[in-house]
Amino acid sequence: MKFHVPDMSCGHCTATIEKALGAVDTKAVVTTDLETRTVKIISSLDPADVQAALEGAGYPASPA
């Protein structure tokens, strides 16, 4: 699944996002792209749960 995260702008942002998603799914594979401000996630979680984890970390996201 892929999400657009408009507030993601630096390495600290990507680390926070990776940590937040890893906390809800330890087996998640997270790939961030600062240039396009997108996050790709391979996870068994429901997309709504991933979106909620992103928002809980302070990064509102929308499906991309």
C-alpha atoms as a PDB file:
ATOM      1  CA  MET A   1       0.000   0.000   0.000  1.00  0.00           C
ATOM      2  CA  LYS A   2       1.137   3.549  -0.604  1.00  0.00           C
ATOM      3  CA  PHE A   3       0.365   6.802   1.184  1.00  0.00           C
ATOM      4  CA  HIS A   4       1.030  10.448   0.428  1.00  0.00           C
ATOM      5  CA  VAL A   5       2.469  12.181   3.500  1.00  0.00           C
ATOM      6  CA  PRO A   6       2.706  15.905   2.702  1.00  0.00           C
ATOM      7  CA  ASP A   7       4.363  16.858   6.016  1.00  0.00           C
ATOM      8  CA  MET A   8       7.281  14.414   5.582  1.00  0.00           C
ATOM      9  CA  SER A   9      10.299  16.542   4.740  1.00  0.00           C
ATOM     10  CA  CYS A  10      13.496  15.153   6.322  1.00  0.00           C
ATOM     11  CA  GLY A  11      15.327  12.138   7.673  1.00  0.00           C
ATOM     12  CA  HIS A  12      13.863  12.676  11.129  1.00  0.00           C
ATOM     13  CA  CYS A  13      10.384  12.456   9.626  1.00  0.00           C
ATOM     14  CA  THR A  14      11.159   9.184   7.878  1.00  0.00           C
ATOM     15  CA  ALA A  15      12.687   7.704  11.044  1.00  0.00           C
ATOM     16  CA  THR A  16       9.610   8.667  13.063  1.00  0.00           C
ATOM     17  CA  ILE A  17       7.306   7.136  10.463  1.00  0.00           C
ATOM     18  CA  GLU A  18       9.337   3.925  10.301  1.00  0.00           C
ATOM     19  CA  LYS A  19       9.339   3.659  14.095  1.00  0.00           C
ATOM     20  CA  ALA A  20       5.579   4.269  14.348  1.00  0.00           C
ATOM     21  CA  LEU A  21       4.754   1.653  11.729  1.00  0.00           C
ATOM     22  CA  GLY A  22       7.221  -0.823  13.235  1.00  0.00           C
ATOM     23  CA  ALA A  23       5.462  -0.427  16.574  1.00  0.00           C
ATOM     24  CA  VAL A  24       2.146  -1.624  15.138  1.00  0.00           C
ATOM     25  CA  ASP A  25       3.637  -4.291  12.835  1.00  0.00           C
ATOM     26  CA  THR A  26       7.155  -5.498  13.618  1.00  0.00           C
ATOM     27  CA  LYS A  27       7.331  -7.265  10.240  1.00  0.00           C
ATOM     28  CA  ALA A  28       6.306  -4.233   8.180  1.00  0.00           C
ATOM     29  CA  VAL A  29       8.589  -3.218   5.334  1.00  0.00           C
ATOM     30  CA  VAL A  30       8.570   0.565   5.019  1.00  0.00           C
ATOM     31  CA  THR A  31      10.039   2.533   2.117  1.00  0.00           C
ATOM     32  CA  THR A  32       9.949   6.323   2.204  1.00  0.00           C
ATOM     33  CA  ASP A  33      10.517   8.742  -0.666  1.00  0.00           C
ATOM     34  CA  LEU A  34      11.118  12.307   0.458  1.00  0.00           C
ATOM     35  CA  GLU A  35      11.090  13.664  -3.089  1.00  0.00           C
ATOM     36  CA  THR A  36       7.519  12.538  -3.726  1.00  0.00           C
ATOM     37  CA  ARG A  37       6.574  12.539  -0.015  1.00  0.00           C
ATOM     38  CA  THR A  38       5.228   9.017  -0.224  1.00  0.00           C
ATOM     39  CA  VAL A  39       5.491   5.983   1.996  1.00  0.00           C
ATOM     40  CA  LYS A  40       5.164   2.424   0.698  1.00  0.00           C
ATOM     41  CA  ILE A  41       4.295  -0.208   3.265  1.00  0.00           C
ATOM     42  CA  ILE A  42       4.219  -3.977   2.977  1.00  0.00           C
ATOM     43  CA  SER A  43       2.233  -5.127   5.967  1.00  0.00           C
ATOM     44  CA  SER A  44      -0.528  -7.470   7.043  1.00  0.00           C
ATOM     45  CA  LEU A  45      -2.293  -4.495   8.628  1.00  0.00           C
ATOM     46  CA  ASP A  46      -5.454  -3.015   7.219  1.00  0.00           C
ATOM     47  CA  PRO A  47      -4.760   0.236   5.295  1.00  0.00           C
ATOM     48  CA  ALA A  48      -6.938   2.149   7.783  1.00  0.00           C
ATOM     49  CA  ASP A  49      -4.722   0.929  10.632  1.00  0.00           C
ATOM     50  CA  VAL A  50      -1.595   2.049   8.788  1.00  0.00           C
ATOM     51  CA  GLN A  51      -3.154   5.445   8.121  1.00  0.00           C
ATOM     52  CA  ALA A  52      -4.114   5.724  11.806  1.00  0.00           C
ATOM     53  CA  ALA A  53      -0.541   4.890  12.866  1.00  0.00           C
ATOM     54  CA  LEU A  54       0.821   7.587  10.545  1.00  0.00           C
ATOM     55  CA  GLU A  55      -1.610  10.142  11.886  1.00  0.00           C
ATOM     56  CA  GLY A  56      -0.839   9.074  15.461  1.00  0.00           C
ATOM     57  CA  ALA A  57       2.829   9.795  14.780  1.00  0.00           C
ATOM     58  CA  GLY A  58       1.885  13.314  13.653  1.00  0.00           C
ATOM     59  CA  TYR A  59       1.901  12.698   9.907  1.00  0.00           C
ATOM     60  CA  PRO A  60      -1.561  12.913   8.351  1.00  0.00           C
ATOM     61  CA  ALA A  61      -1.621  10.770   5.236  1.00  0.00           C
ATOM     62  CA  SER A  62      -3.900   9.910   2.366  1.00  0.00           C
ATOM     63  CA  PRO A  63      -3.870   6.861   0.105  1.00  0.00           C
ATOM     64  CA  ALA A  64      -1.715   7.438  -2.954  1.00  0.00           C
END
